[in-house]
C-alpha cells in the first residue's frame, strides 16, 4: 500500500514538478533545492 502510494507520487511529480537534473545543485535557489530534495525522498521511498 505504502509503496504504491509513493510510486503514484513519483508519477505525479514527474508530470507536474520541474526537473533540475541538468542544473548544478550548488547554483539552485532554496525552493528549487526543496523541490529536488522532495523528489529524491519520494523516489527513494518508492524504490524501497
Protein backbone atom coordinates (compact mmCIF):
# COMPACT_ATOMS: atom_id res chain seq x y z
CA UNK A 1 0.00 0.00 0.00
CA UNK A 2 2.69 2.47 1.04
CA UNK A 3 4.92 1.57 -1.90
CA UNK A 4 2.05 2.00 -4.36
CA UNK A 5 1.32 5.44 -2.89
CA UNK A 6 4.91 6.56 -3.37
CA UNK A 7 5.00 5.18 -6.93
CA UNK A 8 1.90 7.22 -7.71
CA UNK A 9 3.56 10.30 -6.17
CA UNK A 10 6.61 9.77 -8.38
CA UNK A 11 4.41 9.76 -11.49
CA UNK A 12 2.62 12.91 -10.33
CA UNK A 13 5.94 14.62 -9.55
CA UNK A 14 7.31 13.78 -13.00
CA UNK A 15 4.24 15.26 -14.65
CA UNK A 16 3.86 18.40 -12.53
CA UNK A 17 7.10 19.43 -10.88
CA UNK A 18 10.03 20.78 -12.90
CA UNK A 19 13.17 18.70 -13.30
CA UNK A 20 16.51 20.12 -12.18
CA UNK A 21 18.75 17.25 -13.28
CA UNK A 22 20.68 19.38 -15.82
CA UNK A 23 21.49 22.14 -13.36
CA UNK A 24 24.29 22.32 -10.81
CA UNK A 25 22.75 21.69 -7.34
CA UNK A 26 25.01 24.34 -5.79
CA UNK A 27 23.50 27.04 -8.01
CA UNK A 28 19.86 26.26 -7.23
CA UNK A 29 17.74 28.58 -5.10
CA UNK A 30 16.29 27.43 -1.78
CA UNK A 31 12.87 26.50 -3.18
CA UNK A 32 14.50 24.60 -6.07
CA UNK A 33 16.62 22.65 -3.57
CA UNK A 34 13.49 21.89 -1.56
CA UNK A 35 11.73 20.51 -4.65
CA UNK A 36 14.80 18.48 -5.58
CA UNK A 37 15.02 17.05 -2.05
CA UNK A 38 11.32 16.20 -2.00
CA UNK A 39 11.53 14.43 -5.37
CA UNK A 40 14.58 12.46 -4.18
CA UNK A 41 12.85 11.49 -0.92
CA UNK A 42 9.72 10.25 -2.72
CA UNK A 43 11.81 8.34 -5.27
CA UNK A 44 13.84 6.54 -2.59
CA UNK A 45 10.66 5.60 -0.71
CA UNK A 46 9.14 4.23 -3.92
CA UNK A 47 12.20 2.08 -4.63
CA UNK A 48 12.46 0.54 -1.14
